[in-house]
Amino acid sequence: MAFDDQAVVREQYSTETNLQARKALWEDAAGDDPKEILWRTIEAWQPQRVLEVGGGEGELAERIMRELGAHVSFVDFSPRMVELAGARGIEAQEGDVQRLPFAGGAFDTVIAAWMLYHVPDLDAGLGEIARVLTKGGALIAVTNSEQHIAELRELLAYPRGAFDMSFNSENGEEHLRRHFSSVERFDTVVTATVREREKLVAYRNSVSVPTQPVPEDVQLPFIVHGRTSIFVAMT
């Protein structure tokens, strides 16, 4: 999809349906679970004042609040995601990472998981994140590689350039070093085994770019590799 087209992003996350279809692809997966590595990274950091931007349905924010006892604020572009996060007891509000409604130094940790590639002005968004962090605070960001789900993109004949991301595994460090004093990167590879054609169809229907239908005779199980990076950038 057009990752940083705000009209497309708003439509994509107007309900949880598309997000759930994409999550379902990884239900039978083995390898380095990026969500678990993200959690271990957050847990080791022991945050006290957390901002999650673009947090989707709010599962991670809720877990941080309940298991780590941190104060968690939550901002998302989508009214529906804010509604879902609020139902979990999270302090959630609509907002734009390019213009965060918080004072400078308000948080020791900002989490941006699978969302920075949706930001039209990435430097503005990263600048705002750096602004609201305390000195010595950290941005923990997650994104995908240019090679993420390559097998599935080939199956669906993604249009050329349709998977271009402004913030990915390959260029993320370069972007972050313009705003943060130090950057660490952890790469993960996970292998999903998709046994039902319906999951592939649901994934295909969840994306906003024109693709080919999933073939009726697609070979199952279908193997997909997820390639993801976790960045820890400190002010």
C-alpha atoms as a PDB file:
ATOM      1  CA  MET A   1       0.000   0.000   0.000  1.00  0.00           C
ATOM      2  CA  ALA A   2       1.035   3.647  -0.148  1.00  0.00           C
ATOM      3  CA  PHE A   3       2.559   3.553   3.310  1.00  0.00           C
ATOM      4  CA  ASP A   4       2.627   7.276   4.082  1.00  0.00           C
ATOM      5  CA  ASP A   5      -0.501   8.388   2.204  1.00  0.00           C
ATOM      6  CA  GLN A   6      -2.615   9.694   5.061  1.00  0.00           C
ATOM      7  CA  ALA A   7      -5.949   9.083   3.311  1.00  0.00           C
ATOM      8  CA  VAL A   8      -4.949   5.458   2.708  1.00  0.00           C
ATOM      9  CA  VAL A   9      -3.684   5.029   6.270  1.00  0.00           C
ATOM     10  CA  ARG A  10      -6.891   6.472   7.702  1.00  0.00           C
ATOM     11  CA  GLU A  11      -9.004   4.086   5.599  1.00  0.00           C
ATOM     12  CA  GLN A  12      -6.789   1.097   6.422  1.00  0.00           C
ATOM     13  CA  TYR A  13      -7.187   1.578  10.166  1.00  0.00           C
ATOM     14  CA  SER A  14     -10.773   2.806  10.228  1.00  0.00           C
ATOM     15  CA  THR A  15     -11.616  -0.648  11.616  1.00  0.00           C
ATOM     16  CA  GLU A  16      -9.515  -3.455  13.049  1.00  0.00           C
ATOM     17  CA  THR A  17     -10.377  -5.869  10.200  1.00  0.00           C
ATOM     18  CA  ASN A  18      -7.323  -5.264   8.008  1.00  0.00           C
ATOM     19  CA  LEU A  19      -4.941  -5.320  10.944  1.00  0.00           C
ATOM     20  CA  GLN A  20      -6.365  -8.604  12.212  1.00  0.00           C
ATOM     21  CA  ALA A  21      -6.064 -10.220   8.762  1.00  0.00           C
ATOM     22  CA  ARG A  22      -2.383  -9.324   8.648  1.00  0.00           C
ATOM     23  CA  LYS A  23      -1.761 -10.545  12.191  1.00  0.00           C
ATOM     24  CA  ALA A  24      -3.418 -13.882  11.365  1.00  0.00           C
ATOM     25  CA  LEU A  25      -0.700 -14.635   8.826  1.00  0.00           C
ATOM     26  CA  TRP A  26       1.740 -15.193  11.724  1.00  0.00           C
ATOM     27  CA  GLU A  27      -0.373 -17.478  13.907  1.00  0.00           C
ATOM     28  CA  ASP A  28       1.769 -20.519  13.041  1.00  0.00           C
ATOM     29  CA  ALA A  29       5.283 -19.096  13.090  1.00  0.00           C
ATOM     30  CA  ALA A  30       8.728 -20.167  14.257  1.00  0.00           C
ATOM     31  CA  GLY A  31      11.945 -18.247  14.775  1.00  0.00           C
ATOM     32  CA  ASP A  32      12.722 -14.871  16.306  1.00  0.00           C
ATOM     33  CA  ASP A  33       9.336 -13.471  17.283  1.00  0.00           C
ATOM     34  CA  PRO A  34       9.793  -9.688  16.868  1.00  0.00           C
ATOM     35  CA  LYS A  35       6.956  -8.948  19.290  1.00  0.00           C
ATOM     36  CA  GLU A  36       8.613 -11.023  22.000  1.00  0.00           C
ATOM     37  CA  ILE A  37      12.005  -9.425  21.367  1.00  0.00           C
ATOM     38  CA  LEU A  38      10.322  -6.021  21.487  1.00  0.00           C
ATOM     39  CA  TRP A  39       8.780  -6.942  24.821  1.00  0.00           C
ATOM     40  CA  ARG A  40      12.087  -8.143  26.265  1.00  0.00           C
ATOM     41  CA  THR A  41      13.707  -4.904  25.104  1.00  0.00           C
ATOM     42  CA  ILE A  42      11.034  -2.810  26.814  1.00  0.00           C
ATOM     43  CA  GLU A  43      11.161  -4.952  29.968  1.00  0.00           C
ATOM     44  CA  ALA A  44      14.953  -4.589  30.229  1.00  0.00           C
ATOM     45  CA  TRP A  45      14.635  -0.815  29.801  1.00  0.00           C
ATOM     46  CA  GLN A  46      12.213  -0.613  32.776  1.00  0.00           C
ATOM     47  CA  PRO A  47      10.352   2.489  31.609  1.00  0.00           C
ATOM     48  CA  GLN A  48       8.326   4.636  33.976  1.00  0.00           C
ATOM     49  CA  ARG A  49       6.693   7.211  31.670  1.00  0.00           C
ATOM     50  CA  VAL A  50       5.841   5.754  28.274  1.00  0.00           C
ATOM     51  CA  LEU A  51       4.303   7.170  25.135  1.00  0.00           C
ATOM     52  CA  GLU A  52       3.192   4.731  22.453  1.00  0.00           C
ATOM     53  CA  VAL A  53       2.518   6.277  19.057  1.00  0.00           C
ATOM     54  CA  GLY A  54       0.495   4.437  16.440  1.00  0.00           C
ATOM     55  CA  GLY A  55      -0.216   1.619  18.870  1.00  0.00           C
ATOM     56  CA  GLY A  56      -3.067  -0.087  17.026  1.00  0.00           C
ATOM     57  CA  GLU A  57      -5.496  -1.964  19.239  1.00  0.00           C
ATOM     58  CA  GLY A  58      -3.523  -1.209  22.408  1.00  0.00           C
ATOM     59  CA  GLU A  59      -2.351  -4.692  23.432  1.00  0.00           C
ATOM     60  CA  LEU A  60       1.242  -3.616  24.023  1.00  0.00           C
ATOM     61  CA  ALA A  61       0.318  -0.441  25.898  1.00  0.00           C
ATOM     62  CA  GLU A  62      -1.961  -2.452  28.170  1.00  0.00           C
ATOM     63  CA  ARG A  63       0.744  -5.018  28.866  1.00  0.00           C
ATOM     64  CA  ILE A  64       3.291  -2.322  29.742  1.00  0.00           C
ATOM     65  CA  MET A  65       0.833  -0.696  32.111  1.00  0.00           C
ATOM     66  CA  ARG A  66      -0.225  -3.914  33.829  1.00  0.00           C
ATOM     67  CA  GLU A  67       3.044  -5.857  33.976  1.00  0.00           C
ATOM     68  CA  LEU A  68       5.597  -3.067  34.355  1.00  0.00           C
ATOM     69  CA  GLY A  69       3.481  -0.572  36.283  1.00  0.00           C
ATOM     70  CA  ALA A  70       4.492   2.280  33.992  1.00  0.00           C
ATOM     71  CA  HIS A  71       2.346   5.301  33.249  1.00  0.00           C
ATOM     72  CA  VAL A  72       1.351   4.923  29.597  1.00  0.00           C
ATOM     73  CA  SER A  73       0.048   7.548  27.202  1.00  0.00           C
ATOM     74  CA  PHE A  74      -1.204   6.504  23.768  1.00  0.00           C
ATOM     75  CA  VAL A  75      -1.615   8.465  20.549  1.00  0.00           C
ATOM     76  CA  ASP A  76      -2.987   7.112  17.286  1.00  0.00           C
ATOM     77  CA  PHE A  77      -4.122   8.638  14.002  1.00  0.00           C
ATOM     78  CA  SER A  78      -7.185   6.356  13.913  1.00  0.00           C
ATOM     79  CA  PRO A  79     -10.290   7.105  16.015  1.00  0.00           C
ATOM     80  CA  ARG A  80     -11.129   3.387  16.052  1.00  0.00           C
ATOM     81  CA  MET A  81      -7.701   2.387  17.398  1.00  0.00           C
ATOM     82  CA  VAL A  82      -8.024   5.073  20.089  1.00  0.00           C
ATOM     83  CA  GLU A  83     -11.435   3.670  20.992  1.00  0.00           C
ATOM     84  CA  LEU A  84     -10.080   0.116  21.272  1.00  0.00           C
ATOM     85  CA  ALA A  85      -7.080   1.194  23.339  1.00  0.00           C
ATOM     86  CA  GLY A  86      -9.283   3.294  25.617  1.00  0.00           C
ATOM     87  CA  ALA A  87     -11.478   0.260  26.261  1.00  0.00           C
ATOM     88  CA  ARG A  88      -8.386  -1.443  27.689  1.00  0.00           C
ATOM     89  CA  GLY A  89      -8.001   1.313  30.255  1.00  0.00           C
ATOM     90  CA  ILE A  90      -5.260   3.140  28.362  1.00  0.00           C
ATOM     91  CA  GLU A  91      -4.978   6.942  28.426  1.00  0.00           C
ATOM     92  CA  ALA A  92      -5.556   7.231  24.669  1.00  0.00           C
ATOM     93  CA  GLN A  93      -6.148  10.162  22.348  1.00  0.00           C
ATOM     94  CA  GLU A  94      -6.192  10.941  18.647  1.00  0.00           C
ATOM     95  CA  GLY A  95      -3.046  12.649  17.469  1.00  0.00           C
ATOM     96  CA  ASP A  96      -0.261  12.977  14.933  1.00  0.00           C
ATOM     97  CA  VAL A  97       3.342  12.059  15.729  1.00  0.00           C
ATOM     98  CA  GLN A  98       4.393  15.042  13.616  1.00  0.00           C
ATOM     99  CA  ARG A  99       2.705  17.341  16.180  1.00  0.00           C
ATOM    100  CA  LEU A 100       2.643  15.639  19.570  1.00  0.00           C
ATOM    101  CA  PRO A 101       0.429  17.280  22.224  1.00  0.00           C
ATOM    102  CA  PHE A 102       2.959  16.903  25.062  1.00  0.00           C
ATOM    103  CA  ALA A 103       5.574  19.053  26.758  1.00  0.00           C
ATOM    104  CA  GLY A 104       9.259  18.536  26.095  1.00  0.00           C
ATOM    105  CA  GLY A 105      10.872  15.844  28.229  1.00  0.00           C
ATOM    106  CA  ALA A 106       7.534  14.351  29.272  1.00  0.00           C
ATOM    107  CA  PHE A 107       8.563  10.696  28.735  1.00  0.00           C
ATOM    108  CA  ASP A 108      11.544   8.440  29.342  1.00  0.00           C
ATOM    109  CA  THR A 109      10.442   6.040  26.592  1.00  0.00           C
ATOM    110  CA  VAL A 110       8.591   6.328  23.292  1.00  0.00           C
ATOM    111  CA  ILE A 111       7.494   3.209  21.427  1.00  0.00           C
ATOM    112  CA  ALA A 112       6.797   3.318  17.691  1.00  0.00           C
ATOM    113  CA  ALA A 113       6.109  -0.227  16.515  1.00  0.00           C
ATOM    114  CA  TRP A 114       5.413  -0.753  12.812  1.00  0.00           C
ATOM    115  CA  MET A 115       4.252   2.803  12.253  1.00  0.00           C
ATOM    116  CA  LEU A 116       7.066   5.210  11.339  1.00  0.00           C
ATOM    117  CA  TYR A 117       6.757   4.241   7.679  1.00  0.00           C
ATOM    118  CA  HIS A 118       3.250   5.762   7.799  1.00  0.00           C
ATOM    119  CA  VAL A 119       4.584   9.239   8.676  1.00  0.00           C
ATOM    120  CA  PRO A 120       4.609  11.668   5.707  1.00  0.00           C
ATOM    121  CA  ASP A 121       7.346  13.888   7.186  1.00  0.00           C
ATOM    122  CA  LEU A 122       9.560  11.364   8.947  1.00  0.00           C
ATOM    123  CA  ASP A 123      12.072  13.954  10.170  1.00  0.00           C
ATOM    124  CA  ALA A 124       9.247  15.974  11.736  1.00  0.00           C
ATOM    125  CA  GLY A 125       7.942  12.867  13.495  1.00  0.00           C
ATOM    126  CA  LEU A 126      11.363  11.817  14.781  1.00  0.00           C
ATOM    127  CA  GLY A 127      12.066  15.373  15.867  1.00  0.00           C
ATOM    128  CA  GLU A 128       8.862  15.435  17.888  1.00  0.00           C
ATOM    129  CA  ILE A 129       9.675  12.093  19.498  1.00  0.00           C
ATOM    130  CA  ALA A 130      13.136  13.357  20.470  1.00  0.00           C
ATOM    131  CA  ARG A 131      11.568  16.546  21.859  1.00  0.00           C
ATOM    132  CA  VAL A 132       9.177  14.762  24.232  1.00  0.00           C
ATOM    133  CA  LEU A 133      11.893  12.412  25.526  1.00  0.00           C
ATOM    134  CA  THR A 134      13.983  13.183  28.591  1.00  0.00           C
ATOM    135  CA  LYS A 135      17.760  13.369  28.259  1.00  0.00           C
ATOM    136  CA  GLY A 136      18.944   9.773  28.169  1.00  0.00           C
ATOM    137  CA  GLY A 137      15.483   8.570  27.146  1.00  0.00           C
ATOM    138  CA  ALA A 138      14.902   6.071  24.372  1.00  0.00           C
ATOM    139  CA  LEU A 139      12.827   5.562  21.289  1.00  0.00           C
ATOM    140  CA  ILE A 140      12.128   1.873  20.715  1.00  0.00           C
ATOM    141  CA  ALA A 141      11.051   1.516  17.097  1.00  0.00           C
ATOM    142  CA  VAL A 142      10.095  -1.527  15.039  1.00  0.00           C
ATOM    143  CA  THR A 143       9.974  -1.791  11.274  1.00  0.00           C
ATOM    144  CA  ASN A 144      10.254  -4.324   8.469  1.00  0.00           C
ATOM    145  CA  SER A 145      12.951  -5.076   5.943  1.00  0.00           C
ATOM    146  CA  GLU A 146      12.681  -4.499   2.226  1.00  0.00           C
ATOM    147  CA  GLN A 147      12.717  -8.330   2.021  1.00  0.00           C
ATOM    148  CA  HIS A 148       9.796  -8.781   4.424  1.00  0.00           C
ATOM    149  CA  ILE A 149       7.134 -11.246   3.129  1.00  0.00           C
ATOM    150  CA  ALA A 150       8.953 -11.420  -0.215  1.00  0.00           C
ATOM    151  CA  GLU A 151       7.343 -14.782  -1.053  1.00  0.00           C
ATOM    152  CA  LEU A 152       3.847 -13.461  -0.503  1.00  0.00           C
ATOM    153  CA  ARG A 153       4.515 -10.309  -2.500  1.00  0.00           C
ATOM    154  CA  GLU A 154       5.724 -12.471  -5.374  1.00  0.00           C
ATOM    155  CA  LEU A 155       2.630 -14.681  -5.151  1.00  0.00           C
ATOM    156  CA  LEU A 156       0.352 -11.637  -5.288  1.00  0.00           C
ATOM    157  CA  ALA A 157       2.443  -9.841  -7.925  1.00  0.00           C
ATOM    158  CA  TYR A 158       2.800  -6.627  -5.944  1.00  0.00           C
ATOM    159  CA  PRO A 159       3.228  -3.643  -8.290  1.00  0.00           C
ATOM    160  CA  ARG A 160       6.756  -2.308  -8.575  1.00  0.00           C
ATOM    161  CA  GLY A 161       7.465   0.137  -5.755  1.00  0.00           C
ATOM    162  CA  ALA A 162       4.317  -0.783  -3.815  1.00  0.00           C
ATOM    163  CA  PHE A 163       6.354  -2.017  -0.846  1.00  0.00           C
ATOM    164  CA  ASP A 164       8.685   0.984  -0.636  1.00  0.00           C
ATOM    165  CA  MET A 165       8.917   2.230   2.956  1.00  0.00           C
ATOM    166  CA  SER A 166      10.415   5.529   4.073  1.00  0.00           C
ATOM    167  CA  PHE A 167      11.573   3.852   7.317  1.00  0.00           C
ATOM    168  CA  ASN A 168      12.780   0.263   7.042  1.00  0.00           C
ATOM    169  CA  SER A 169      15.464  -2.072   8.373  1.00  0.00           C
ATOM    170  CA  GLU A 170      17.931  -0.958   5.762  1.00  0.00           C
ATOM    171  CA  ASN A 171      17.619   2.827   6.174  1.00  0.00           C
ATOM    172  CA  GLY A 172      16.297   3.175   9.722  1.00  0.00           C
ATOM    173  CA  GLU A 173      19.621   3.818  11.413  1.00  0.00           C
ATOM    174  CA  GLU A 174      20.470   6.610   8.975  1.00  0.00           C
ATOM    175  CA  HIS A 175      17.187   8.378   9.759  1.00  0.00           C
ATOM    176  CA  LEU A 176      17.501   7.904  13.514  1.00  0.00           C
ATOM    177  CA  ARG A 177      21.065   9.190  13.749  1.00  0.00           C
ATOM    178  CA  ARG A 178      19.885  12.605  12.579  1.00  0.00           C
ATOM    179  CA  HIS A 179      17.892  12.958  15.810  1.00  0.00           C
ATOM    180  CA  PHE A 180      19.453  10.644  18.416  1.00  0.00           C
ATOM    181  CA  SER A 181      22.925  10.311  19.919  1.00  0.00           C
ATOM    182  CA  SER A 182      23.158   6.510  19.727  1.00  0.00           C
ATOM    183  CA  VAL A 183      21.319   3.786  17.830  1.00  0.00           C
ATOM    184  CA  GLU A 184      21.288  -0.002  18.266  1.00  0.00           C
ATOM    185  CA  ARG A 185      19.607  -2.431  15.892  1.00  0.00           C
ATOM    186  CA  PHE A 186      18.412  -6.002  16.404  1.00  0.00           C
ATOM    187  CA  ASP A 187      17.319  -8.044  13.383  1.00  0.00           C
ATOM    188  CA  THR A 188      14.826 -10.907  13.463  1.00  0.00           C
ATOM    189  CA  VAL A 189      13.683 -13.559  11.017  1.00  0.00           C
ATOM    190  CA  VAL A 190      10.479 -15.526  11.544  1.00  0.00           C
ATOM    191  CA  THR A 191       8.994 -18.238   9.331  1.00  0.00           C
ATOM    192  CA  ALA A 192       5.214 -18.482   9.036  1.00  0.00           C
ATOM    193  CA  THR A 193       3.544 -21.660   7.812  1.00  0.00           C
ATOM    194  CA  VAL A 194       0.179 -20.788   6.266  1.00  0.00           C
ATOM    195  CA  ARG A 195      -1.993 -23.870   5.883  1.00  0.00           C
ATOM    196  CA  GLU A 196      -5.281 -22.297   4.773  1.00  0.00           C
ATOM    197  CA  ARG A 197      -5.755 -20.466   1.492  1.00  0.00           C
ATOM    198  CA  GLU A 198      -8.365 -18.310   3.245  1.00  0.00           C
ATOM    199  CA  LYS A 199      -5.634 -16.631   5.327  1.00  0.00           C
ATOM    200  CA  LEU A 200      -3.755 -15.683   2.185  1.00  0.00           C
ATOM    201  CA  VAL A 201      -6.961 -14.346   0.638  1.00  0.00           C
ATOM    202  CA  ALA A 202      -7.736 -12.316   3.762  1.00  0.00           C
ATOM    203  CA  TYR A 203      -4.229 -10.859   3.751  1.00  0.00           C
ATOM    204  CA  ARG A 204      -4.525  -9.983   0.060  1.00  0.00           C
ATOM    205  CA  ASN A 205      -7.882  -8.279   0.713  1.00  0.00           C
ATOM    206  CA  SER A 206      -6.378  -6.262   3.572  1.00  0.00           C
ATOM    207  CA  VAL A 207      -3.840  -4.372   1.462  1.00  0.00           C
ATOM    208  CA  SER A 208      -4.638  -1.211  -0.434  1.00  0.00           C
ATOM    209  CA  VAL A 209      -2.622  -1.847  -3.609  1.00  0.00           C
ATOM    210  CA  PRO A 210      -3.979  -3.771  -6.613  1.00  0.00           C
ATOM    211  CA  THR A 211      -2.656  -7.334  -6.592  1.00  0.00           C
ATOM    212  CA  GLN A 212      -3.413 -10.615  -8.283  1.00  0.00           C
ATOM    213  CA  PRO A 213      -5.909 -12.980  -6.627  1.00  0.00           C
ATOM    214  CA  VAL A 214      -4.516 -15.894  -4.649  1.00  0.00           C
ATOM    215  CA  PRO A 215      -4.468 -18.848  -7.077  1.00  0.00           C
ATOM    216  CA  GLU A 216      -7.035 -21.532  -6.384  1.00  0.00           C
ATOM    217  CA  ASP A 217      -4.279 -24.128  -6.639  1.00  0.00           C
ATOM    218  CA  VAL A 218      -1.732 -22.303  -4.471  1.00  0.00           C
ATOM    219  CA  GLN A 219       0.647 -24.817  -2.925  1.00  0.00           C
ATOM    220  CA  LEU A 220      -0.051 -25.325   0.771  1.00  0.00           C
ATOM    221  CA  PRO A 221       1.391 -24.992   3.257  1.00  0.00           C
ATOM    222  CA  PHE A 222       2.698 -21.660   2.013  1.00  0.00           C
ATOM    223  CA  ILE A 223       5.904 -20.478   3.684  1.00  0.00           C
ATOM    224  CA  VAL A 224       6.454 -16.777   4.358  1.00  0.00           C
ATOM    225  CA  HIS A 225       9.505 -15.173   5.956  1.00  0.00           C
ATOM    226  CA  GLY A 226       9.095 -12.109   8.111  1.00  0.00           C
ATOM    227  CA  ARG A 227      12.176  -9.913   8.387  1.00  0.00           C
ATOM    228  CA  THR A 228      11.942  -7.219  11.035  1.00  0.00           C
ATOM    229  CA  SER A 229      14.266  -4.916  12.993  1.00  0.00           C
ATOM    230  CA  ILE A 230      14.002  -3.394  16.456  1.00  0.00           C
ATOM    231  CA  PHE A 231      15.870  -0.109  16.925  1.00  0.00           C
ATOM    232  CA  VAL A 232      16.757   1.471  20.257  1.00  0.00           C
ATOM    233  CA  ALA A 233      17.688   5.126  19.794  1.00  0.00           C
ATOM    234  CA  MET A 234      18.771   7.230  22.770  1.00  0.00           C
ATOM    235  CA  THR A 235      18.722  10.992  23.189  1.00  0.00           C
END
